[in-house]
Protein backbone atom coordinates (compact mmCIF):
# COMPACT_ATOMS: atom_id res chain seq x y z
CA MET A 1 10.43 -17.88 -44.29
CA GLU A 2 11.84 -20.41 -41.98
CA THR A 3 9.19 -21.39 -39.47
CA SER A 4 10.79 -23.82 -37.27
CA LEU A 5 10.95 -23.60 -33.11
CA VAL A 6 14.77 -23.24 -33.46
CA THR A 7 17.21 -21.57 -35.62
CA PRO A 8 20.60 -21.78 -35.12
CA VAL A 9 22.54 -18.52 -34.11
CA ARG A 10 26.28 -17.96 -33.33
CA PRO A 11 26.82 -16.67 -30.00
CA LEU A 12 27.03 -12.74 -29.52
CA SER A 13 29.09 -10.69 -27.37
CA LEU A 14 27.28 -8.21 -25.20
CA ALA A 15 29.55 -5.74 -26.12
CA GLU A 16 31.91 -6.68 -29.23
CA ALA A 17 34.13 -4.24 -30.48
CA PRO A 18 33.45 -3.19 -34.33
CA SER A 19 36.57 -4.74 -35.64
CA PRO A 20 36.15 -6.22 -39.29
CA GLY A 21 33.06 -8.20 -39.66
CA SER A 22 31.94 -6.84 -36.05
CA ILE A 23 29.50 -4.56 -37.46
CA ALA A 24 27.15 -7.00 -38.77
CA VAL A 25 27.26 -8.75 -35.51
CA ALA A 26 26.40 -6.17 -33.83
CA ARG A 27 23.58 -5.30 -35.96
CA ARG A 28 22.11 -8.70 -35.45
CA TYR A 29 22.81 -8.25 -31.70
CA TRP A 30 20.97 -4.53 -31.04
CA PRO A 31 17.60 -5.61 -32.29
CA ARG A 32 17.73 -8.89 -29.92
CA LEU A 33 18.75 -6.90 -27.40
CA ALA A 34 15.67 -4.42 -27.60
CA VAL A 35 13.29 -7.22 -27.95
CA PHE A 36 14.77 -9.01 -25.14
CA ALA A 37 14.20 -5.62 -22.92
CA ILE A 38 10.68 -5.42 -23.90
CA LEU A 39 10.22 -9.04 -23.25
CA SER A 40 11.54 -9.15 -20.04
CA PHE A 41 9.59 -5.65 -18.65
CA ALA A 42 5.97 -6.65 -20.29
CA ALA A 43 5.99 -9.71 -18.34
CA TYR A 44 5.95 -8.04 -15.04
CA ALA A 45 4.90 -4.82 -16.03
CA PHE A 46 2.38 -4.88 -13.14
CA ALA A 47 5.04 -6.07 -10.91
CA ILE A 48 7.27 -3.33 -11.58
CA ALA A 49 4.91 -0.51 -11.61
CA ASP A 50 4.20 -1.10 -7.75
CA ILE A 51 8.09 -0.98 -6.84
CA LEU A 52 8.22 2.28 -8.98
CA GLY A 53 5.00 3.64 -7.46
CA ASP A 54 5.93 2.68 -3.50
CA ALA A 55 9.54 4.13 -3.86
CA LEU A 56 8.67 7.20 -5.20
CA ALA A 57 6.18 7.27 -2.60
CA GLY A 58 8.40 6.39 0.27
CA SER A 59 8.87 2.95 0.45
CA ARG A 60 12.32 1.73 2.13
CA VAL A 61 12.58 -0.81 -0.74
CA VAL A 62 14.38 1.25 -2.46
CA VAL A 63 16.78 -1.44 -3.72
CA LEU A 64 14.60 -2.85 -6.13
CA LEU A 65 14.50 0.58 -7.33
CA VAL A 66 18.36 0.78 -8.92
CA LEU A 67 18.55 -3.09 -9.30
CA PRO A 68 17.90 -3.34 -12.80
CA ILE A 69 20.61 -0.75 -13.37
CA LEU A 70 23.10 -2.53 -11.53
CA ILE A 71 22.21 -5.73 -13.24
CA GLY A 72 22.95 -3.76 -16.75
CA VAL A 73 26.18 -2.19 -15.02
CA ILE A 74 27.36 -6.09 -14.49
CA ALA A 75 26.37 -7.39 -17.41
CA SER A 76 28.29 -4.93 -19.61
CA GLY A 77 31.46 -6.27 -18.38
CA TYR A 78 30.78 -9.68 -20.78
CA ARG A 79 32.72 -8.09 -23.51
CA GLN A 80 33.34 -11.46 -25.33
CA ALA A 81 31.74 -14.20 -26.57
CA PRO A 82 31.62 -17.31 -25.32
CA ARG A 83 33.30 -20.50 -26.18
CA GLY A 84 31.70 -22.56 -28.31
CA VAL A 85 29.14 -23.21 -30.91
CA SER A 86 25.83 -22.18 -29.61
CA ASP A 87 23.20 -25.12 -29.71
CA THR A 88 19.81 -23.23 -30.24
CA GLU A 89 17.49 -26.40 -29.76
CA SER A 90 19.38 -27.24 -26.56
CA ASP A 91 19.24 -23.41 -25.61
CA TRP A 92 15.26 -23.91 -25.66
CA ILE A 93 15.42 -27.38 -23.89
CA VAL A 94 17.17 -25.96 -21.13
CA ALA A 95 15.16 -22.71 -20.87
CA GLY A 96 12.07 -24.52 -21.09
CA VAL A 97 13.26 -27.21 -18.28
CA ALA A 98 14.31 -24.73 -16.02
CA GLY A 99 11.41 -22.12 -16.42
CA ILE A 100 9.23 -24.92 -15.65
CA GLY A 101 10.68 -26.35 -12.94
CA GLY A 102 11.25 -22.78 -11.06
CA PHE A 103 7.81 -21.39 -11.70
CA THR A 104 6.54 -24.44 -10.08
CA GLY A 105 8.78 -24.37 -6.84
CA ILE A 106 7.91 -20.87 -6.94
CA TYR A 107 4.22 -21.53 -6.90
CA LEU A 108 4.33 -24.26 -4.53
CA LEU A 109 6.22 -22.60 -1.73
CA ARG A 110 3.99 -19.62 -2.44
CA ASN A 111 0.36 -21.89 -1.70
CA ARG A 112 2.97 -23.80 0.93
CA MET A 113 3.70 -20.57 3.17
CA PRO A 114 1.60 -17.93 1.74
CA THR A 115 2.39 -15.04 4.29
CA LEU A 116 6.31 -15.39 3.89
CA ALA A 117 6.36 -16.10 0.69
CA VAL A 118 4.50 -12.06 0.39
CA GLN A 119 7.37 -10.91 2.64
CA TRP A 120 10.04 -12.66 0.67
CA GLN A 121 8.23 -11.01 -2.03
CA LEU A 122 9.08 -14.57 -4.18
CA ASP A 123 6.86 -13.64 -7.19
CA LEU A 124 10.11 -11.69 -8.21
CA TRP A 125 12.43 -14.31 -8.11
CA GLY A 126 10.14 -14.99 -11.15
CA VAL A 127 10.91 -12.21 -12.61
CA LEU A 128 14.71 -13.43 -12.10
CA LEU A 129 13.63 -16.84 -13.72
CA TRP A 130 12.32 -15.80 -16.62
CA ILE A 131 15.14 -13.07 -17.72
CA ALA A 132 17.73 -15.86 -17.33
CA CYS A 133 15.46 -18.10 -19.11
CA LEU A 134 14.98 -15.02 -21.80
CA VAL A 135 18.80 -14.95 -21.78
CA ALA A 136 19.34 -18.88 -22.80
CA VAL A 137 16.83 -18.48 -25.26
CA MET A 138 17.95 -15.55 -27.39
CA PHE A 139 21.51 -15.32 -26.42
CA GLY A 140 22.64 -18.74 -25.75
CA VAL A 141 22.75 -21.12 -22.42
CA ARG A 142 26.86 -20.22 -22.32
CA TYR A 143 26.01 -17.01 -21.57
CA VAL A 144 23.29 -17.43 -18.27
CA VAL A 145 26.00 -20.04 -17.11
CA ARG A 146 29.23 -17.73 -18.07
CA MET A 147 26.87 -14.58 -16.13
CA TRP A 148 26.59 -16.40 -12.79
CA GLN A 149 28.39 -13.49 -10.27
CA LEU A 150 25.15 -11.54 -12.06
CA TRP A 151 22.90 -14.18 -11.42
CA LEU A 152 24.14 -14.40 -7.73
CA PHE A 153 24.27 -10.65 -6.99
CA ALA A 154 20.52 -10.30 -8.43
CA VAL A 155 19.57 -13.33 -5.84
CA CYS A 156 21.40 -11.78 -3.14
CA CYS A 157 19.11 -8.11 -3.72
CA ILE A 158 15.99 -9.10 -5.63
CA SER A 159 13.85 -9.98 -2.18
CA PRO A 160 13.85 -6.83 -0.42
CA LEU A 161 13.62 -8.75 3.29
CA PRO A 162 17.18 -9.00 3.80
CA PHE A 163 18.10 -5.47 2.74
CA LEU A 164 15.60 -4.10 5.16
CA LEU A 165 17.22 -6.54 8.07
CA THR A 166 20.47 -5.21 7.42
CA ALA A 167 19.50 -1.67 7.12
CA ALA A 168 17.38 -2.59 10.65
CA ALA A 169 20.95 -3.94 11.84
CA PHE A 170 23.01 -0.91 11.05
CA GLY A 171 20.29 1.61 12.99
CA GLY A 172 17.78 1.70 9.84
CA SER A 173 18.02 5.59 8.91
CA ASP A 174 17.19 6.87 5.37
CA THR A 175 21.32 7.41 5.58
CA VAL A 176 21.79 3.79 6.18
CA VAL A 177 19.73 3.10 3.75
CA ALA A 178 21.31 5.01 1.09
CA LEU A 179 24.62 4.25 1.87
CA LEU A 180 24.07 -0.01 1.74
CA THR A 181 22.62 0.65 -1.69
CA ALA A 182 25.61 2.95 -2.51
CA VAL A 183 27.28 -0.19 -1.43
CA LEU A 184 25.53 -2.44 -3.78
CA GLY A 185 26.23 0.06 -6.45
CA ALA A 186 29.76 -0.42 -5.69
CA THR A 187 30.17 -4.10 -5.57
CA ALA A 188 28.09 -3.60 -8.97
CA VAL A 189 31.28 -1.75 -10.81
CA PHE A 190 33.59 -4.47 -9.27
CA LEU A 191 32.05 -6.62 -10.94
CA ALA A 192 31.62 -5.28 -14.01
CA GLY A 193 35.02 -4.93 -14.45
CA ARG A 194 36.12 -8.55 -15.14
CA CYS A 195 37.53 -7.68 -18.18
CA ALA A 196 39.69 -4.42 -16.69
CA SER A 197 42.87 -4.62 -15.01
CA TRP A 198 42.88 -5.15 -11.42
CA GLY A 199 44.57 -1.73 -10.68
CA ARG A 200 41.22 0.11 -12.75
CA ARG A 201 38.94 -2.17 -11.14
CA LEU A 202 40.10 -1.65 -7.69
CA SER A 203 40.57 2.12 -8.05
CA ALA A 204 36.81 2.68 -10.14
CA THR A 205 35.09 0.01 -6.89
CA LEU A 206 36.79 2.48 -4.21
CA VAL A 207 35.87 5.96 -6.46
CA CYS A 208 31.89 4.40 -6.76
CA VAL A 209 32.08 4.00 -3.27
CA ALA A 210 33.57 6.98 -1.86
CA SER A 211 31.61 8.86 -4.51
CA GLY A 212 27.94 7.33 -3.12
CA SER A 213 28.66 7.88 0.59
CA ALA A 214 29.79 11.20 0.01
CA LEU A 215 26.92 12.33 -2.18
CA THR A 216 24.86 10.54 0.39
CA VAL A 217 25.98 12.74 2.98
CA LEU A 218 25.71 15.92 1.29
CA VAL A 219 22.70 15.62 -0.49
CA GLY A 220 20.37 13.11 1.54
CA ASP A 221 19.19 15.87 3.98
CA HIS A 222 17.72 17.94 0.50
CA LEU A 223 16.68 15.35 -1.40
CA SER A 224 13.66 12.60 -0.72
CA LEU A 225 15.14 8.63 -0.06
CA ALA A 226 14.43 7.46 -3.67
CA ALA A 227 15.99 11.04 -5.20
CA THR A 228 19.58 9.76 -2.80
CA VAL A 229 19.58 6.11 -4.42
CA LEU A 230 18.83 7.16 -7.37
CA LEU A 231 21.62 9.07 -7.49
CA VAL A 232 24.42 6.99 -5.25
CA ALA A 233 23.33 3.68 -6.44
CA GLY A 234 22.02 4.58 -9.91
CA ILE A 235 24.02 7.45 -11.89
CA VAL A 236 27.25 7.16 -9.53
CA PRO A 237 28.14 3.49 -10.95
CA VAL A 238 26.65 3.90 -14.36
CA VAL A 239 29.36 6.95 -14.78
CA VAL A 240 32.31 4.99 -12.93
CA THR A 241 31.56 2.26 -15.10
CA VAL A 242 31.58 4.01 -17.92
CA VAL A 243 34.74 5.42 -17.30
CA MET A 244 36.44 2.15 -16.66
CA LEU A 245 35.66 0.56 -19.71
CA LEU A 246 36.32 3.55 -21.66
CA ARG A 247 39.07 2.36 -23.45
CA ASP A 248 37.81 -0.61 -23.88
CA ALA A 249 34.13 1.25 -25.67
CA HIS A 250 33.89 1.91 -29.23
CA LEU A 251 30.71 3.36 -30.68
CA VAL A 252 28.92 1.46 -33.18
CA SER A 253 26.08 2.48 -35.58
CA THR A 254 23.34 0.64 -36.46
CA ALA A 255 20.74 1.06 -39.15
CA SER A 256 17.34 1.01 -39.03
CA SER A 257 17.39 -1.91 -41.11
CA ALA A 258 19.15 -3.92 -38.57
CA TRP A 259 15.45 -4.76 -37.12
CA SER A 260 15.35 -6.75 -40.31
CA ASP A 261 17.63 -9.05 -38.75
CA MET A 262 14.75 -10.53 -36.45
CA LEU A 263 13.47 -12.02 -39.35
CA HIS A 264 15.97 -14.54 -39.41
CA ARG A 265 15.03 -16.01 -36.18
CA SER A 266 11.32 -18.22 -36.54
CA PRO A 267 8.62 -16.22 -36.35
CA LEU A 268 7.28 -19.50 -34.11
CA SER A 269 9.83 -19.36 -31.53
CA MET A 270 8.75 -15.17 -31.03
CA LEU A 271 5.44 -16.09 -30.66
CA MET A 272 5.85 -18.54 -28.13
CA LEU A 273 8.09 -15.78 -25.84
CA ILE A 274 5.52 -13.23 -26.62
CA LEU A 275 2.37 -15.82 -25.40
CA VAL A 276 5.09 -16.72 -21.95
CA ALA A 277 5.09 -13.13 -21.65
CA VAL A 278 1.39 -12.18 -21.86
CA THR A 279 0.55 -15.14 -19.79
CA LEU A 280 2.72 -14.01 -16.89
CA LEU A 281 1.30 -10.59 -16.95
CA LEU A 282 -1.82 -12.29 -16.80
CA ILE A 283 -1.20 -14.30 -13.71
CA ASN A 284 0.88 -11.55 -12.06
CA PRO A 285 -1.89 -8.73 -10.95
CA PRO A 286 -0.75 -5.70 -8.93
CA HIS A 287 0.17 -6.74 -5.48
CA ALA A 288 -2.82 -5.84 -3.11
CA ARG A 289 -1.56 -4.43 0.15
CA SER A 290 -2.77 -1.73 2.78
CA GLN A 291 -2.42 1.40 0.58
CA TYR A 292 -5.27 3.29 2.15
CA ALA A 293 -6.76 2.93 5.63
CA ALA A 294 -10.27 4.17 7.16
CA ALA A 295 -9.92 7.24 8.87
CA VAL A 296 -10.77 7.29 12.35
CA ALA A 297 -11.01 10.27 14.78
CA ALA A 298 -7.52 11.36 16.22
CA ASP A 299 -8.05 11.24 20.03
CA TRP A 300 -9.68 7.26 19.54
CA GLU A 301 -7.39 5.78 22.06
CA GLN A 302 -8.07 8.23 24.84
CA ARG A 303 -12.05 7.62 23.79
CA ALA A 304 -11.64 3.94 24.38
CA GLY A 305 -10.05 4.67 27.53
CA LEU A 306 -6.46 2.78 26.66
CA VAL A 307 -3.43 3.48 28.38
CA ALA A 308 -0.03 3.22 27.38
CA ASP A 309 2.04 0.69 29.24
CA ALA A 310 4.90 -0.18 26.96
CA ASP A 311 6.86 1.30 23.95
CA PHE A 312 9.17 -0.81 21.39
CA PRO A 313 11.36 1.60 19.73
CA PHE A 314 12.94 -0.73 17.83
CA ILE A 315 10.43 0.03 15.16
CA THR A 316 12.24 3.24 13.83
CA ARG A 317 15.08 0.62 12.82
CA TYR A 318 12.37 -0.70 10.45
CA ILE A 319 9.92 2.09 9.49
CA GLY A 320 11.60 5.21 9.82
CA ALA A 321 12.68 7.87 12.63
CA ASP A 322 9.23 9.03 13.18
CA ALA A 323 7.32 5.82 13.97
CA THR A 324 6.41 4.43 17.06
CA PHE A 325 5.26 1.48 18.59
CA VAL A 326 3.06 1.45 21.69
CA ARG A 327 1.20 -0.90 23.84
CA TYR A 328 -2.00 -0.04 25.41
CA ARG A 329 -3.05 -1.92 28.62
CA VAL A 330 -6.71 -4.20 29.18
CA PRO A 331 -7.64 -4.48 32.14
CA ALA A 332 -8.27 -7.94 33.27
CA GLU A 333 -11.68 -9.14 33.04
CA ASP A 334 -13.02 -12.04 35.43
CA GLY A 335 -13.01 -15.32 33.24
CA MET A 336 -11.48 -13.50 30.21
CA PRO A 337 -8.13 -14.03 28.96
CA THR A 338 -6.01 -11.44 29.07
CA ALA A 339 -5.14 -9.33 26.43
CA ALA A 340 -3.60 -6.15 24.96
CA ILE A 341 -3.44 -3.50 21.83
CA ASP A 342 -0.98 -2.59 20.02
CA VAL A 343 -0.23 0.35 18.09
CA ILE A 344 2.74 1.05 15.43
CA THR A 345 2.23 4.62 14.14
CA THR A 346 3.87 6.77 11.39
CA GLU A 347 3.68 9.16 8.88
CA ARG A 348 4.88 7.36 6.10
CA LEU A 349 2.28 5.08 4.52
CA PRO A 350 4.43 3.55 1.86
CA ALA A 351 6.85 2.37 4.70
CA LEU A 352 4.37 0.82 7.11
CA THR A 353 3.04 -1.49 4.33
CA ASP A 354 6.90 -2.51 3.84
CA PHE A 355 5.77 -4.81 6.68
CA ASP A 356 2.27 -5.58 5.91
CA ASP A 357 3.18 -9.49 6.63
CA SER A 358 5.76 -9.21 9.02
CA ILE A 359 4.49 -11.15 12.31
CA TRP A 360 6.17 -9.18 15.00
CA TYR A 361 5.16 -11.94 17.92
CA PRO A 362 6.83 -15.06 18.54
CA SER A 363 5.90 -18.61 17.27
CA SER A 364 7.54 -21.92 16.80
CA ARG A 365 6.69 -22.30 13.32
CA PRO A 366 5.40 -20.67 10.15
CA ILE A 367 1.80 -19.16 10.60
CA GLU A 368 -0.56 -17.20 8.40
CA TYR A 369 -2.76 -13.93 8.16
CA GLN A 370 -6.62 -14.61 7.51
CA SER A 371 -8.60 -12.20 5.99
CA VAL A 372 -11.90 -11.69 7.99
CA LYS A 373 -15.10 -10.15 6.13
CA ARG A 374 -17.26 -9.49 8.77
CA GLU A 375 -19.66 -6.78 9.49
CA SER A 376 -18.03 -6.26 13.30
CA MET A 377 -14.66 -6.12 11.78
CA PRO A 378 -12.96 -2.84 10.52
CA ALA A 379 -12.21 -2.77 6.41
CA GLY A 380 -9.03 -5.32 5.98
CA ALA A 381 -9.05 -6.73 9.41
CA ARG A 382 -7.02 -10.05 8.96
CA VAL A 383 -6.63 -12.91 12.10
CA ILE A 384 -3.65 -14.67 12.71
CA HIS A 385 -2.41 -17.12 15.89
CA SER A 386 -0.17 -19.35 16.90
CA ASN A 387 -1.00 -23.04 17.39
CA ALA A 388 -1.41 -23.65 20.72
CA ASP A 389 -2.38 -27.79 19.68
CA ALA A 390 1.44 -28.12 18.53
CA THR A 391 3.36 -26.20 21.30
CA THR A 392 5.89 -28.73 22.98
CA ASP A 393 7.56 -25.37 25.52
CA ALA A 394 5.23 -24.78 28.40
CA ALA A 395 6.87 -21.62 28.74
CA ASP A 396 5.81 -20.58 25.54
CA THR A 397 2.96 -18.34 25.68
CA ASP A 398 0.06 -18.91 22.28
CA TRP A 399 -1.43 -15.77 21.51
CA TYR A 400 -5.00 -15.14 19.15
CA ALA A 401 -4.79 -11.26 16.93
CA VAL A 402 -6.42 -9.24 14.93
CA THR A 403 -4.74 -6.43 12.80
CA TRP A 404 -5.94 -3.83 10.64
CA MET A 405 -5.19 -0.27 9.36
CA TRP A 406 -6.17 3.32 10.34
CA LYS A 407 -5.42 6.88 9.51
CA SER A 408 -5.33 8.94 12.16
CA GLY A 409 -5.24 12.58 11.94
CA ASP A 410 -2.09 12.93 9.52
CA ASN A 411 -0.22 9.59 10.71
CA TYR A 412 -1.12 5.78 9.91
CA GLN A 413 -1.76 3.07 12.09
CA ARG A 414 -1.17 -0.86 12.51
CA VAL A 415 -3.50 -1.82 14.94
CA THR A 416 -3.53 -5.10 16.69
CA VAL A 417 -5.64 -6.55 19.34
CA ILE A 418 -3.59 -9.28 20.91
CA VAL A 419 -4.95 -12.11 23.47
CA ASN A 420 -3.56 -14.99 25.35
CA GLN A 421 -4.80 -18.20 24.21
CA ALA A 422 -5.05 -19.25 27.94
CA PRO A 423 -8.15 -18.15 28.88
CA LYS A 424 -7.23 -18.98 32.78
CA SER A 425 -3.59 -17.62 32.43
CA GLU A 426 -3.08 -14.29 34.08
CA ALA A 427 0.22 -13.81 32.21
CA PRO A 428 0.23 -10.97 29.63
CA PRO A 429 0.25 -11.83 25.93
CA PRO A 430 3.77 -12.42 24.20
CA ASN A 431 5.68 -8.14 23.93
CA PRO A 432 6.52 -7.91 19.77
CA ALA A 433 10.29 -8.28 18.83
CA ALA A 434 12.35 -7.26 15.99
CA LEU A 435 12.23 -9.14 13.13
CA SER A 436 15.33 -11.31 12.77
CA PHE A 437 16.86 -13.14 9.58
CA LEU A 438 16.67 -16.64 12.07
CA ASP A 439 12.81 -16.28 12.06
CA THR A 440 12.21 -15.48 8.93
CA SER A 441 14.14 -17.74 6.76
CA ILE A 442 16.18 -20.68 8.75
CA LYS A 443 13.63 -21.63 10.72
CA PRO A 444 10.80 -21.64 8.31
CA ALA A 445 13.24 -23.70 6.08
CA LEU A 446 13.82 -26.20 8.54
CA TRP A 447 10.21 -26.65 9.56
CA LEU A 448 9.56 -26.94 5.96
CA ALA A 449 12.77 -29.79 5.30
CA ARG A 450 11.05 -31.89 8.06
CA GLN A 451 7.98 -31.81 6.31
CA GLN A 452 5.32 -30.65 9.42
CA PRO A 453 1.63 -30.56 8.88
CA ASN A 454 0.46 -27.28 8.28
CA ALA A 455 -2.26 -27.24 10.61
CA ALA A 456 -3.67 -24.06 12.03
CA GLY A 457 -4.55 -25.17 15.47
CA HIS A 458 -8.00 -24.38 17.09
CA VAL A 459 -8.62 -21.64 19.16
CA ASP A 460 -10.85 -21.27 22.26
CA PRO A 461 -13.87 -19.64 21.09
CA LEU A 462 -13.28 -17.82 24.54
CA VAL A 463 -10.32 -15.89 23.46
CA VAL A 464 -11.94 -15.22 19.96
CA ALA A 465 -14.74 -13.46 21.93
CA ARG A 466 -12.64 -11.14 23.61
CA ALA A 467 -10.60 -10.16 20.92
CA ASP A 468 -13.83 -9.63 18.99
CA ALA A 469 -15.74 -7.34 21.94
CA LEU A 470 -12.20 -5.29 22.27
CA VAL A 471 -12.03 -4.95 18.53
CA LYS A 472 -16.10 -3.55 18.76
CA ARG A 473 -14.85 -1.04 21.55
CA LEU A 474 -12.21 0.69 19.36
CA MET A 475 -14.47 0.80 16.63
CA ASN A 476 -16.94 2.61 18.57
CA ALA A 477 -14.43 4.74 20.33
CA SER A 478 -13.03 5.66 16.20
CA LYS A 479 -16.63 6.78 15.21
CA VAL A 480 -16.18 4.09 11.88
CA ASP A 481 -19.23 2.48 10.92
CA PRO A 482 -18.81 -1.40 10.76
CA GLY A 483 -17.59 -2.91 7.51
CA GLY A 484 -17.37 1.12 6.77
CA ALA A 485 -15.34 1.70 3.01
CA ASP A 486 -11.52 2.59 2.99
CA ARG A 487 -10.78 5.90 2.02
């Protein structure tokens, strides 16, 4: 039995027709494809389970629910093997170098800007990198290069933040979210038609987007968002693609003995892939988010004597039509900095946790959430603040905030106590602002490129004391024991 790490394998088509001799090729291909699928999903099983659970529970990050389907749709268009002779040894070298370099870059970015990395769900980029490395090892680097359109599509969709920001720009309703996924489905159909004539390709794309849009309008109000997206961006693109490629499709019968083809690959190489998959599974545990919130009195705002001062309706574009974002006024105290209490309220917990790590207040540089584990703080409380030591614009208002999650009646609330960092200033803390692609991507990238220091900055103890006093006041009004367990 062969024991070398690499075994020369000629390139295989992703959908080779069973012309004379091609049945044997298909029999060698399908087992490898099955093992490829198992290794791809097994390495990130926890992440995939989180995505499915959140989407079915009401999360608006539903694009990830259909992304594997759309990637499969695009891959079905690569129906001919790439030219040239496959060099399996080179495939392993290229995959190893790309994988080590890519995962190292993800690790460094995640540690450099952890809050922003969670906003972008940077770990999901590792899923795409792992799949690309598997394609290189099991099918050849030529496939990876040839399928550059597929990788570009996946890169644009793998992080849900651009999708959420785009949906917010168009109003942020569930209908808008479903329509955007329908457009992505039509894009996948267009990319899958690379071997079809231009007439069939364009016709299939138009039929897909029209069908998806019509179904969204007709059934969107009767189905959940996840079910609507699966229909318009999952089922419809698959059906349209099958019809478009039907003339070139051929049924290939593969017997169970085809699995014996895997014996022609090195057992050592398969063992290495399995070990890497297990390692990735262990170092990518389920993402800990604010899935549960301590129950509080439904009228805690009135008990605390809070008076609504302003409302920020932009929040409905991100979390949903039922969401509210209210600022409560806090009376001034002599010798203490100004403060306010901001509360986001919605009935949809998954939609709220989609933005757990979002920063709604202005900052000139990337800033990070820090967990607070003190008995005087609510469970799950975190602290975040701008860097007053690095401020260069006198017009900017630096701030310090404590935030946590509560369940008030049937609603879930993100409560934030925000304090002006300038104790002698009479200016209120800055108002929250809508998220933008500029603040969540371009500015942090420019800051990182300039190799800026990562110091958090000093916060006046008087500011911290002011925030702690307000937190204690809210906890007393809500009848929550300090450090109480989540429900």
